[in-house]
């Protein structure tokens, strides 16, 4: 399918109602909504999504239930939604890897035709983290140790071919480091392994912030464009000489293709209110995640743009699964 046809197909998900009859005329929602989060409980994503779901419950007047589906490079939520009935009662987080992996392997969904984009939400504050009582005081310390001990320094990530993993691959290649990449299902699984000494470091989100503040973990760098106000002494990758490396892996919510436009609007309006709810805003601030709202139409365009950018990235780096 050429690019023009792909764009037209995804745009049609916003314009053409596929759910007809009495069901589409009922007040929406009139029962609980399930929100699929493709990461384990306990990590930054889970914390943010649960705060969003709590706020959305208040605004919808119906429970919004978080269901964790970790694994498969954070694509299981998207895969489930692609097969679901388009009634609005199942939505999922659309992660950056879910837009990247179709360019690397066969996936059970087509980004350009299987989803109705609902709303863009936020992105992450990523960092390289180590134990505070370990030998690394700076990013340069870790580089030096990895060069002294090729193939022995183990760095965890939140899923194979996810953004933290690929950024670590990029950094290791730039610094000529032979490190061992250790994938986990998410931050909630990686952090205990780090605290237990099973890996020397890892790349994760700001869900580790409390452990950093408590002095149990240390951040060696952050991947945002500017330093975090919460940890102002931690340098960015750009400051460390990696020009242009601002990595946030933004994400939003999607529903199945063919969603009735009235239901799409109701989902958008409810989650927009939840996104801007003071309790949810407080959670974003605690996690150092920016509010990056896009409405349904703008998010549809953004998804296609990012999908194309990821195709180019995969081709440029020669990425393959396995």
C-alpha atoms as a PDB file:
ATOM      1  CA  UNK A   1       0.000   0.000   0.000  1.00  0.00           C
ATOM      2  CA  UNK A   2       1.482   3.378  -0.939  1.00  0.00           C
ATOM      3  CA  UNK A   3       1.854   6.217   1.558  1.00  0.00           C
ATOM      4  CA  UNK A   4      -1.119   8.225   0.243  1.00  0.00           C
ATOM      5  CA  UNK A   5      -3.420   5.241   0.599  1.00  0.00           C
ATOM      6  CA  UNK A   6      -2.082   4.498   4.088  1.00  0.00           C
ATOM      7  CA  UNK A   7      -2.766   8.057   5.216  1.00  0.00           C
ATOM      8  CA  UNK A   8      -6.250   7.999   3.756  1.00  0.00           C
ATOM      9  CA  UNK A   9      -6.998   4.702   5.453  1.00  0.00           C
ATOM     10  CA  UNK A  10      -5.970   5.885   8.928  1.00  0.00           C
ATOM     11  CA  UNK A  11      -7.792   9.168   8.419  1.00  0.00           C
ATOM     12  CA  UNK A  12     -10.926   7.234   7.595  1.00  0.00           C
ATOM     13  CA  UNK A  13     -10.878   5.774  11.103  1.00  0.00           C
ATOM     14  CA  UNK A  14     -11.725   9.263  12.320  1.00  0.00           C
ATOM     15  CA  UNK A  15     -14.395  10.022   9.746  1.00  0.00           C
ATOM     16  CA  UNK A  16     -16.404   6.904   8.839  1.00  0.00           C
ATOM     17  CA  UNK A  17     -18.738   5.369  11.442  1.00  0.00           C
ATOM     18  CA  UNK A  18     -18.738   1.578  11.442  1.00  0.00           C
ATOM     19  CA  UNK A  19     -20.844   1.025  14.579  1.00  0.00           C
ATOM     20  CA  UNK A  20     -24.479   1.608  13.694  1.00  0.00           C
ATOM     21  CA  UNK A  21     -27.916   1.020  15.116  1.00  0.00           C
ATOM     22  CA  UNK A  22     -29.238   1.347  18.641  1.00  0.00           C
ATOM     23  CA  UNK A  23     -25.890   0.556  20.319  1.00  0.00           C
ATOM     24  CA  UNK A  24     -24.329   3.682  18.821  1.00  0.00           C
ATOM     25  CA  UNK A  25     -27.198   5.813  20.133  1.00  0.00           C
ATOM     26  CA  UNK A  26     -26.873   4.732  23.766  1.00  0.00           C
ATOM     27  CA  UNK A  27     -25.232   7.020  26.258  1.00  0.00           C
ATOM     28  CA  UNK A  28     -21.511   6.322  26.308  1.00  0.00           C
ATOM     29  CA  UNK A  29     -20.100   4.988  28.513  1.00  0.00           C
ATOM     30  CA  UNK A  30     -22.726   3.002  30.370  1.00  0.00           C
ATOM     31  CA  UNK A  31     -20.329   0.349  31.733  1.00  0.00           C
ATOM     32  CA  UNK A  32     -16.629   0.093  32.670  1.00  0.00           C
ATOM     33  CA  UNK A  33     -13.888   0.915  30.151  1.00  0.00           C
ATOM     34  CA  UNK A  34     -10.743  -1.231  30.083  1.00  0.00           C
ATOM     35  CA  UNK A  35      -7.416   0.529  29.539  1.00  0.00           C
ATOM     36  CA  UNK A  36      -4.618  -1.812  28.419  1.00  0.00           C
ATOM     37  CA  UNK A  37      -1.140  -0.877  29.667  1.00  0.00           C
ATOM     38  CA  UNK A  38       1.580  -2.977  27.995  1.00  0.00           C
ATOM     39  CA  UNK A  39       3.991  -2.750  30.949  1.00  0.00           C
ATOM     40  CA  UNK A  40       4.118  -4.440  34.375  1.00  0.00           C
ATOM     41  CA  UNK A  41       2.648  -2.885  37.482  1.00  0.00           C
ATOM     42  CA  UNK A  42       4.966  -0.628  39.462  1.00  0.00           C
ATOM     43  CA  UNK A  43       6.830   1.266  36.742  1.00  0.00           C
ATOM     44  CA  UNK A  44       6.435   4.885  35.685  1.00  0.00           C
ATOM     45  CA  UNK A  45       3.965   4.045  32.924  1.00  0.00           C
ATOM     46  CA  UNK A  46       1.745   2.038  35.233  1.00  0.00           C
ATOM     47  CA  UNK A  47       1.762   4.813  37.846  1.00  0.00           C
ATOM     48  CA  UNK A  48       0.864   7.471  35.284  1.00  0.00           C
ATOM     49  CA  UNK A  49      -1.815   5.362  33.613  1.00  0.00           C
ATOM     50  CA  UNK A  50      -3.472   4.471  36.904  1.00  0.00           C
ATOM     51  CA  UNK A  51      -3.611   8.139  37.856  1.00  0.00           C
ATOM     52  CA  UNK A  52      -5.146   8.870  34.449  1.00  0.00           C
ATOM     53  CA  UNK A  53      -7.664   6.048  34.890  1.00  0.00           C
ATOM     54  CA  UNK A  54      -8.673   7.314  38.334  1.00  0.00           C
ATOM     55  CA  UNK A  55      -9.249  10.804  36.967  1.00  0.00           C
ATOM     56  CA  UNK A  56     -11.079   9.438  33.905  1.00  0.00           C
ATOM     57  CA  UNK A  57     -13.372   7.418  36.174  1.00  0.00           C
ATOM     58  CA  UNK A  58     -14.521  10.654  37.783  1.00  0.00           C
ATOM     59  CA  UNK A  59     -15.108  12.356  34.442  1.00  0.00           C
ATOM     60  CA  UNK A  60     -16.801   9.418  32.676  1.00  0.00           C
ATOM     61  CA  UNK A  61     -18.937   8.424  35.642  1.00  0.00           C
ATOM     62  CA  UNK A  62     -17.938   4.812  34.954  1.00  0.00           C
ATOM     63  CA  UNK A  63     -14.886   2.841  36.131  1.00  0.00           C
ATOM     64  CA  UNK A  64     -11.801   2.913  33.916  1.00  0.00           C
ATOM     65  CA  UNK A  65      -9.968  -0.313  34.735  1.00  0.00           C
ATOM     66  CA  UNK A  66      -6.243  -0.700  34.078  1.00  0.00           C
ATOM     67  CA  UNK A  67      -5.169  -4.109  32.772  1.00  0.00           C
ATOM     68  CA  UNK A  68      -1.421  -4.734  32.528  1.00  0.00           C
ATOM     69  CA  UNK A  69      -0.252  -6.746  29.518  1.00  0.00           C
ATOM     70  CA  UNK A  70       3.549  -6.650  29.586  1.00  0.00           C
ATOM     71  CA  UNK A  71       5.833  -8.319  27.083  1.00  0.00           C
ATOM     72  CA  UNK A  72       6.418  -8.469  23.321  1.00  0.00           C
ATOM     73  CA  UNK A  73       8.199  -5.125  23.301  1.00  0.00           C
ATOM     74  CA  UNK A  74       5.168  -3.267  24.733  1.00  0.00           C
ATOM     75  CA  UNK A  75       2.959  -4.183  21.747  1.00  0.00           C
ATOM     76  CA  UNK A  76       0.414  -6.503  23.380  1.00  0.00           C
ATOM     77  CA  UNK A  77      -2.024  -3.692  24.111  1.00  0.00           C
ATOM     78  CA  UNK A  78      -2.063  -2.524  20.516  1.00  0.00           C
ATOM     79  CA  UNK A  79      -2.378  -6.103  19.264  1.00  0.00           C
ATOM     80  CA  UNK A  80      -5.399  -6.741  21.499  1.00  0.00           C
ATOM     81  CA  UNK A  81      -7.153  -3.530  20.495  1.00  0.00           C
ATOM     82  CA  UNK A  82      -6.617  -4.257  16.800  1.00  0.00           C
ATOM     83  CA  UNK A  83      -8.708  -7.429  17.201  1.00  0.00           C
ATOM     84  CA  UNK A  84     -11.368  -5.933  19.475  1.00  0.00           C
ATOM     85  CA  UNK A  85     -14.934  -4.901  18.802  1.00  0.00           C
ATOM     86  CA  UNK A  86     -15.058  -1.147  18.068  1.00  0.00           C
ATOM     87  CA  UNK A  87     -17.471  -0.227  20.834  1.00  0.00           C
ATOM     88  CA  UNK A  88     -15.200   2.094  22.822  1.00  0.00           C
ATOM     89  CA  UNK A  89     -14.933  -0.114  25.888  1.00  0.00           C
ATOM     90  CA  UNK A  90     -11.373  -1.254  25.175  1.00  0.00           C
ATOM     91  CA  UNK A  91      -8.560   1.244  24.628  1.00  0.00           C
ATOM     92  CA  UNK A  92      -4.799   0.838  24.821  1.00  0.00           C
ATOM     93  CA  UNK A  93      -1.596   2.750  25.190  1.00  0.00           C
ATOM     94  CA  UNK A  94       0.087   3.113  21.795  1.00  0.00           C
ATOM     95  CA  UNK A  95       3.813   2.969  22.506  1.00  0.00           C
ATOM     96  CA  UNK A  96       6.662   4.025  20.268  1.00  0.00           C
ATOM     97  CA  UNK A  97       7.886   0.401  19.907  1.00  0.00           C
ATOM     98  CA  UNK A  98       4.392  -0.523  18.683  1.00  0.00           C
ATOM     99  CA  UNK A  99       5.003   1.893  15.811  1.00  0.00           C
ATOM    100  CA  UNK A 100       8.581   0.702  15.268  1.00  0.00           C
ATOM    101  CA  UNK A 101       8.343  -3.087  15.386  1.00  0.00           C
ATOM    102  CA  UNK A 102       6.093  -3.466  12.302  1.00  0.00           C
ATOM    103  CA  UNK A 103       9.120  -2.308  10.298  1.00  0.00           C
ATOM    104  CA  UNK A 104      11.247  -5.049  11.882  1.00  0.00           C
ATOM    105  CA  UNK A 105       8.987  -8.100  11.970  1.00  0.00           C
ATOM    106  CA  UNK A 106       5.531  -9.343  11.111  1.00  0.00           C
ATOM    107  CA  UNK A 107       2.981  -7.973  13.588  1.00  0.00           C
ATOM    108  CA  UNK A 108      -0.691  -8.900  14.188  1.00  0.00           C
ATOM    109  CA  UNK A 109      -1.863  -5.401  13.273  1.00  0.00           C
ATOM    110  CA  UNK A 110      -1.487  -2.716  10.624  1.00  0.00           C
ATOM    111  CA  UNK A 111      -0.757   0.711  12.066  1.00  0.00           C
ATOM    112  CA  UNK A 112      -2.393   2.452   9.121  1.00  0.00           C
ATOM    113  CA  UNK A 113      -5.767   0.714   9.261  1.00  0.00           C
ATOM    114  CA  UNK A 114      -6.406  -1.100  12.570  1.00  0.00           C
ATOM    115  CA  UNK A 115      -6.694   1.799  15.044  1.00  0.00           C
ATOM    116  CA  UNK A 116      -8.715   4.884  15.886  1.00  0.00           C
ATOM    117  CA  UNK A 117      -6.354   7.403  17.524  1.00  0.00           C
ATOM    118  CA  UNK A 118      -8.011   8.991  20.556  1.00  0.00           C
ATOM    119  CA  UNK A 119      -5.568  11.326  22.307  1.00  0.00           C
ATOM    120  CA  UNK A 120      -1.834  11.942  22.727  1.00  0.00           C
ATOM    121  CA  UNK A 121      -0.797  12.112  26.379  1.00  0.00           C
ATOM    122  CA  UNK A 122       2.823  12.464  27.428  1.00  0.00           C
ATOM    123  CA  UNK A 123       6.365  11.100  27.166  1.00  0.00           C
ATOM    124  CA  UNK A 124       9.035   9.829  29.544  1.00  0.00           C
ATOM    125  CA  UNK A 125      12.019  11.188  31.372  1.00  0.00           C
ATOM    126  CA  UNK A 126      14.563   8.439  30.680  1.00  0.00           C
ATOM    127  CA  UNK A 127      17.879   8.009  32.464  1.00  0.00           C
ATOM    128  CA  UNK A 128      20.778   5.610  32.909  1.00  0.00           C
ATOM    129  CA  UNK A 129      20.546   4.430  36.507  1.00  0.00           C
ATOM    130  CA  UNK A 130      22.940   2.537  38.773  1.00  0.00           C
ATOM    131  CA  UNK A 131      23.068   1.610  42.435  1.00  0.00           C
ATOM    132  CA  UNK A 132      24.101   4.568  44.561  1.00  0.00           C
ATOM    133  CA  UNK A 133      26.518   2.381  46.548  1.00  0.00           C
ATOM    134  CA  UNK A 134      28.141   1.040  43.368  1.00  0.00           C
ATOM    135  CA  UNK A 135      31.383   2.087  41.668  1.00  0.00           C
ATOM    136  CA  UNK A 136      29.903   4.501  39.114  1.00  0.00           C
ATOM    137  CA  UNK A 137      29.723   8.146  40.119  1.00  0.00           C
ATOM    138  CA  UNK A 138      29.444   9.424  36.547  1.00  0.00           C
ATOM    139  CA  UNK A 139      28.541   8.194  33.064  1.00  0.00           C
ATOM    140  CA  UNK A 140      32.243   8.379  32.212  1.00  0.00           C
ATOM    141  CA  UNK A 141      32.973   5.912  35.043  1.00  0.00           C
ATOM    142  CA  UNK A 142      30.622   3.375  33.496  1.00  0.00           C
ATOM    143  CA  UNK A 143      32.153   3.873  30.046  1.00  0.00           C
ATOM    144  CA  UNK A 144      35.649   3.353  31.431  1.00  0.00           C
ATOM    145  CA  UNK A 145      34.652   0.167  33.276  1.00  0.00           C
ATOM    146  CA  UNK A 146      32.879  -1.251  30.226  1.00  0.00           C
ATOM    147  CA  UNK A 147      35.988  -0.684  28.147  1.00  0.00           C
ATOM    148  CA  UNK A 148      38.194  -2.345  30.788  1.00  0.00           C
ATOM    149  CA  UNK A 149      35.838  -5.337  31.065  1.00  0.00           C
ATOM    150  CA  UNK A 150      34.383  -5.981  27.615  1.00  0.00           C
ATOM    151  CA  UNK A 151      31.324  -8.212  27.654  1.00  0.00           C
ATOM    152  CA  UNK A 152      30.968  -8.128  31.447  1.00  0.00           C
ATOM    153  CA  UNK A 153      28.999  -4.977  32.244  1.00  0.00           C
ATOM    154  CA  UNK A 154      25.279  -5.781  32.197  1.00  0.00           C
ATOM    155  CA  UNK A 155      22.799  -3.004  31.471  1.00  0.00           C
ATOM    156  CA  UNK A 156      19.087  -3.656  31.781  1.00  0.00           C
ATOM    157  CA  UNK A 157      16.312  -2.216  29.657  1.00  0.00           C
ATOM    158  CA  UNK A 158      12.518  -2.236  29.726  1.00  0.00           C
ATOM    159  CA  UNK A 159      12.084  -4.533  26.721  1.00  0.00           C
ATOM    160  CA  UNK A 160      13.987  -5.748  23.678  1.00  0.00           C
ATOM    161  CA  UNK A 161      13.845  -3.246  20.800  1.00  0.00           C
ATOM    162  CA  UNK A 162      12.168  -0.669  23.024  1.00  0.00           C
ATOM    163  CA  UNK A 163      13.411   2.910  23.142  1.00  0.00           C
ATOM    164  CA  UNK A 164      15.643   2.442  26.241  1.00  0.00           C
ATOM    165  CA  UNK A 165      17.234  -0.645  24.672  1.00  0.00           C
ATOM    166  CA  UNK A 166      17.907   0.954  21.292  1.00  0.00           C
ATOM    167  CA  UNK A 167      19.250   4.132  22.879  1.00  0.00           C
ATOM    168  CA  UNK A 168      21.678   2.061  24.956  1.00  0.00           C
ATOM    169  CA  UNK A 169      22.705   0.230  21.787  1.00  0.00           C
ATOM    170  CA  UNK A 170      23.351   3.576  20.118  1.00  0.00           C
ATOM    171  CA  UNK A 171      25.359   4.871  23.097  1.00  0.00           C
ATOM    172  CA  UNK A 172      27.395   1.667  23.317  1.00  0.00           C
ATOM    173  CA  UNK A 173      28.275   1.871  19.623  1.00  0.00           C
ATOM    174  CA  UNK A 174      29.280   5.528  19.913  1.00  0.00           C
ATOM    175  CA  UNK A 175      31.506   4.786  22.915  1.00  0.00           C
ATOM    176  CA  UNK A 176      32.871   1.483  21.601  1.00  0.00           C
ATOM    177  CA  UNK A 177      31.551  -0.376  24.640  1.00  0.00           C
ATOM    178  CA  UNK A 178      30.969  -4.129  24.540  1.00  0.00           C
ATOM    179  CA  UNK A 179      28.125  -4.421  27.060  1.00  0.00           C
ATOM    180  CA  UNK A 180      25.516  -7.080  27.763  1.00  0.00           C
ATOM    181  CA  UNK A 181      21.952  -5.875  27.107  1.00  0.00           C
ATOM    182  CA  UNK A 182      19.495  -7.495  29.523  1.00  0.00           C
ATOM    183  CA  UNK A 183      15.807  -7.066  28.573  1.00  0.00           C
ATOM    184  CA  UNK A 184      13.042  -7.027  31.177  1.00  0.00           C
ATOM    185  CA  UNK A 185       9.286  -6.759  30.771  1.00  0.00           C
ATOM    186  CA  UNK A 186       9.339  -3.264  32.225  1.00  0.00           C
ATOM    187  CA  UNK A 187      10.817  -0.955  34.828  1.00  0.00           C
ATOM    188  CA  UNK A 188       8.965  -2.758  37.615  1.00  0.00           C
ATOM    189  CA  UNK A 189      10.970  -5.907  36.821  1.00  0.00           C
ATOM    190  CA  UNK A 190      14.303  -4.268  36.033  1.00  0.00           C
ATOM    191  CA  UNK A 191      14.695  -2.173  39.192  1.00  0.00           C
ATOM    192  CA  UNK A 192      14.632  -5.121  41.648  1.00  0.00           C
ATOM    193  CA  UNK A 193      17.312  -6.841  39.546  1.00  0.00           C
ATOM    194  CA  UNK A 194      19.435  -3.701  39.726  1.00  0.00           C
ATOM    195  CA  UNK A 195      18.957  -3.294  43.472  1.00  0.00           C
ATOM    196  CA  UNK A 196      19.800  -6.978  43.906  1.00  0.00           C
ATOM    197  CA  UNK A 197      23.099  -6.622  42.056  1.00  0.00           C
ATOM    198  CA  UNK A 198      22.121  -8.867  39.146  1.00  0.00           C
ATOM    199  CA  UNK A 199      22.927  -6.081  36.646  1.00  0.00           C
ATOM    200  CA  UNK A 200      25.348  -3.159  36.892  1.00  0.00           C
ATOM    201  CA  UNK A 201      22.947  -0.540  35.559  1.00  0.00           C
ATOM    202  CA  UNK A 202      19.949   0.056  33.379  1.00  0.00           C
ATOM    203  CA  UNK A 203      17.880   2.487  31.376  1.00  0.00           C
ATOM    204  CA  UNK A 204      14.459   3.358  32.669  1.00  0.00           C
ATOM    205  CA  UNK A 205      11.942   6.091  33.356  1.00  0.00           C
ATOM    206  CA  UNK A 206      11.441   8.472  36.222  1.00  0.00           C
ATOM    207  CA  UNK A 207       9.382   5.910  38.130  1.00  0.00           C
ATOM    208  CA  UNK A 208      12.689   5.282  39.933  1.00  0.00           C
ATOM    209  CA  UNK A 209      12.629   8.847  41.243  1.00  0.00           C
ATOM    210  CA  UNK A 210      11.789   7.980  44.833  1.00  0.00           C
ATOM    211  CA  UNK A 211      14.664   5.482  44.977  1.00  0.00           C
ATOM    212  CA  UNK A 212      16.977   8.183  43.616  1.00  0.00           C
ATOM    213  CA  UNK A 213      15.730  10.664  46.198  1.00  0.00           C
ATOM    214  CA  UNK A 214      16.200   8.065  48.944  1.00  0.00           C
ATOM    215  CA  UNK A 215      19.826   7.575  47.907  1.00  0.00           C
ATOM    216  CA  UNK A 216      19.423   3.973  46.772  1.00  0.00           C
ATOM    217  CA  UNK A 217      19.862   4.637  43.044  1.00  0.00           C
ATOM    218  CA  UNK A 218      21.873   7.205  41.117  1.00  0.00           C
ATOM    219  CA  UNK A 219      21.145   8.768  37.731  1.00  0.00           C
ATOM    220  CA  UNK A 220      24.220   9.111  35.514  1.00  0.00           C
ATOM    221  CA  UNK A 221      22.426  11.080  32.774  1.00  0.00           C
ATOM    222  CA  UNK A 222      18.941  12.049  31.629  1.00  0.00           C
ATOM    223  CA  UNK A 223      17.684  11.888  28.053  1.00  0.00           C
ATOM    224  CA  UNK A 224      15.492  14.999  27.981  1.00  0.00           C
ATOM    225  CA  UNK A 225      16.457  18.114  26.043  1.00  0.00           C
ATOM    226  CA  UNK A 226      17.062  20.037  29.253  1.00  0.00           C
ATOM    227  CA  UNK A 227      18.038  18.996  32.762  1.00  0.00           C
ATOM    228  CA  UNK A 228      15.286  17.849  35.082  1.00  0.00           C
ATOM    229  CA  UNK A 229      14.335  20.481  37.675  1.00  0.00           C
ATOM    230  CA  UNK A 230      14.019  17.628  40.169  1.00  0.00           C
ATOM    231  CA  UNK A 231      17.609  16.456  39.635  1.00  0.00           C
ATOM    232  CA  UNK A 232      19.409  19.574  38.392  1.00  0.00           C
ATOM    233  CA  UNK A 233      22.914  18.146  38.846  1.00  0.00           C
ATOM    234  CA  UNK A 234      22.347  15.250  36.416  1.00  0.00           C
ATOM    235  CA  UNK A 235      23.603  16.097  32.900  1.00  0.00           C
ATOM    236  CA  UNK A 236      21.659  15.475  29.702  1.00  0.00           C
ATOM    237  CA  UNK A 237      22.999  13.329  26.878  1.00  0.00           C
ATOM    238  CA  UNK A 238      23.278  16.480  24.789  1.00  0.00           C
ATOM    239  CA  UNK A 239      25.485  18.089  27.448  1.00  0.00           C
ATOM    240  CA  UNK A 240      27.629  14.962  27.454  1.00  0.00           C
ATOM    241  CA  UNK A 241      28.355  15.464  23.761  1.00  0.00           C
ATOM    242  CA  UNK A 242      25.653  13.390  22.066  1.00  0.00           C
ATOM    243  CA  UNK A 243      24.276  16.043  19.789  1.00  0.00           C
ATOM    244  CA  UNK A 244      20.558  15.867  19.115  1.00  0.00           C
ATOM    245  CA  UNK A 245      19.921  12.957  21.485  1.00  0.00           C
ATOM    246  CA  UNK A 246      16.707  14.009  23.228  1.00  0.00           C
ATOM    247  CA  UNK A 247      14.749  10.787  23.768  1.00  0.00           C
ATOM    248  CA  UNK A 248      11.276  10.826  25.370  1.00  0.00           C
ATOM    249  CA  UNK A 249       9.280   8.035  23.595  1.00  0.00           C
ATOM    250  CA  UNK A 250       5.895   9.839  23.643  1.00  0.00           C
ATOM    251  CA  UNK A 251       2.616   7.925  23.653  1.00  0.00           C
ATOM    252  CA  UNK A 252      -1.163   8.172  23.506  1.00  0.00           C
ATOM    253  CA  UNK A 253      -4.342   6.109  23.498  1.00  0.00           C
ATOM    254  CA  UNK A 254      -5.982   4.217  20.643  1.00  0.00           C
ATOM    255  CA  UNK A 255      -9.200   2.263  20.138  1.00  0.00           C
ATOM    256  CA  UNK A 256     -10.110  -0.245  17.408  1.00  0.00           C
ATOM    257  CA  UNK A 257     -10.665   0.958  13.862  1.00  0.00           C
ATOM    258  CA  UNK A 258     -14.258   1.637  12.890  1.00  0.00           C
ATOM    259  CA  UNK A 259     -15.181   3.432  16.091  1.00  0.00           C
ATOM    260  CA  UNK A 260     -18.340   5.540  15.892  1.00  0.00           C
ATOM    261  CA  UNK A 261     -17.318   9.243  15.755  1.00  0.00           C
ATOM    262  CA  UNK A 262     -19.625  10.116  18.653  1.00  0.00           C
ATOM    263  CA  UNK A 263     -17.941   7.481  20.834  1.00  0.00           C
ATOM    264  CA  UNK A 264     -14.511   8.679  19.727  1.00  0.00           C
ATOM    265  CA  UNK A 265     -15.435  12.211  20.777  1.00  0.00           C
ATOM    266  CA  UNK A 266     -16.734  10.983  24.123  1.00  0.00           C
ATOM    267  CA  UNK A 267     -13.506   9.041  24.755  1.00  0.00           C
ATOM    268  CA  UNK A 268     -11.388  11.993  23.714  1.00  0.00           C
ATOM    269  CA  UNK A 269     -13.290  14.459  25.869  1.00  0.00           C
ATOM    270  CA  UNK A 270     -13.235  12.219  28.937  1.00  0.00           C
ATOM    271  CA  UNK A 271      -9.526  11.429  28.677  1.00  0.00           C
ATOM    272  CA  UNK A 272      -8.691  15.056  27.886  1.00  0.00           C
ATOM    273  CA  UNK A 273     -10.435  16.104  31.099  1.00  0.00           C
ATOM    274  CA  UNK A 274      -8.549  13.363  32.964  1.00  0.00           C
ATOM    275  CA  UNK A 275      -5.227  14.386  31.401  1.00  0.00           C
ATOM    276  CA  UNK A 276      -5.713  17.941  32.732  1.00  0.00           C
ATOM    277  CA  UNK A 277      -7.189  16.839  36.065  1.00  0.00           C
ATOM    278  CA  UNK A 278      -5.149  18.348  38.947  1.00  0.00           C
ATOM    279  CA  UNK A 279      -4.518  14.948  40.533  1.00  0.00           C
ATOM    280  CA  UNK A 280      -3.155  13.586  37.258  1.00  0.00           C
ATOM    281  CA  UNK A 281      -1.089  16.722  36.640  1.00  0.00           C
ATOM    282  CA  UNK A 282       0.471  16.196  40.070  1.00  0.00           C
ATOM    283  CA  UNK A 283       1.409  12.642  39.068  1.00  0.00           C
ATOM    284  CA  UNK A 284       3.027  13.861  35.834  1.00  0.00           C
ATOM    285  CA  UNK A 285       5.060  16.368  37.836  1.00  0.00           C
ATOM    286  CA  UNK A 286       6.110  13.721  40.328  1.00  0.00           C
ATOM    287  CA  UNK A 287       7.272  11.519  37.443  1.00  0.00           C
ATOM    288  CA  UNK A 288       8.844  14.451  35.580  1.00  0.00           C
ATOM    289  CA  UNK A 289       6.731  13.680  32.515  1.00  0.00           C
ATOM    290  CA  UNK A 290       5.543  16.540  30.300  1.00  0.00           C
ATOM    291  CA  UNK A 291       1.918  17.063  29.333  1.00  0.00           C
ATOM    292  CA  UNK A 292       1.872  16.652  25.533  1.00  0.00           C
ATOM    293  CA  UNK A 293      -1.790  16.842  24.548  1.00  0.00           C
ATOM    294  CA  UNK A 294      -2.918  16.297  20.959  1.00  0.00           C
ATOM    295  CA  UNK A 295      -6.550  15.863  19.946  1.00  0.00           C
ATOM    296  CA  UNK A 296      -7.720  12.892  17.873  1.00  0.00           C
ATOM    297  CA  UNK A 297      -7.078  14.414  14.448  1.00  0.00           C
ATOM    298  CA  UNK A 298      -3.654  15.785  15.387  1.00  0.00           C
ATOM    299  CA  UNK A 299      -2.703  12.497  17.029  1.00  0.00           C
ATOM    300  CA  UNK A 300      -3.707  10.576  13.887  1.00  0.00           C
ATOM    301  CA  UNK A 301      -1.330  12.733  11.851  1.00  0.00           C
ATOM    302  CA  UNK A 302       1.376  12.387  14.496  1.00  0.00           C
ATOM    303  CA  UNK A 303       1.095   8.578  14.508  1.00  0.00           C
ATOM    304  CA  UNK A 304       1.665   8.436  10.751  1.00  0.00           C
ATOM    305  CA  UNK A 305       4.622  10.813  10.979  1.00  0.00           C
ATOM    306  CA  UNK A 306       6.249   8.801  13.775  1.00  0.00           C
ATOM    307  CA  UNK A 307       5.510   5.540  11.966  1.00  0.00           C
ATOM    308  CA  UNK A 308       7.417   6.855   8.940  1.00  0.00           C
ATOM    309  CA  UNK A 309      10.261   8.187  11.109  1.00  0.00           C
ATOM    310  CA  UNK A 310      10.644   4.781  12.724  1.00  0.00           C
ATOM    311  CA  UNK A 311      10.768   3.112   9.300  1.00  0.00           C
ATOM    312  CA  UNK A 312      13.646   5.383   8.387  1.00  0.00           C
ATOM    313  CA  UNK A 313      15.382   4.706  11.696  1.00  0.00           C
ATOM    314  CA  UNK A 314      15.115   0.945  11.284  1.00  0.00           C
ATOM    315  CA  UNK A 315      16.541   1.140   7.787  1.00  0.00           C
ATOM    316  CA  UNK A 316      19.330   3.519   8.807  1.00  0.00           C
ATOM    317  CA  UNK A 317      20.492   1.377  11.738  1.00  0.00           C
ATOM    318  CA  UNK A 318      19.869  -1.943   9.995  1.00  0.00           C
ATOM    319  CA  UNK A 319      17.753  -3.149  12.911  1.00  0.00           C
ATOM    320  CA  UNK A 320      16.505  -6.704  13.025  1.00  0.00           C
ATOM    321  CA  UNK A 321      14.685  -8.717  15.684  1.00  0.00           C
ATOM    322  CA  UNK A 322      16.067 -11.813  17.274  1.00  0.00           C
END
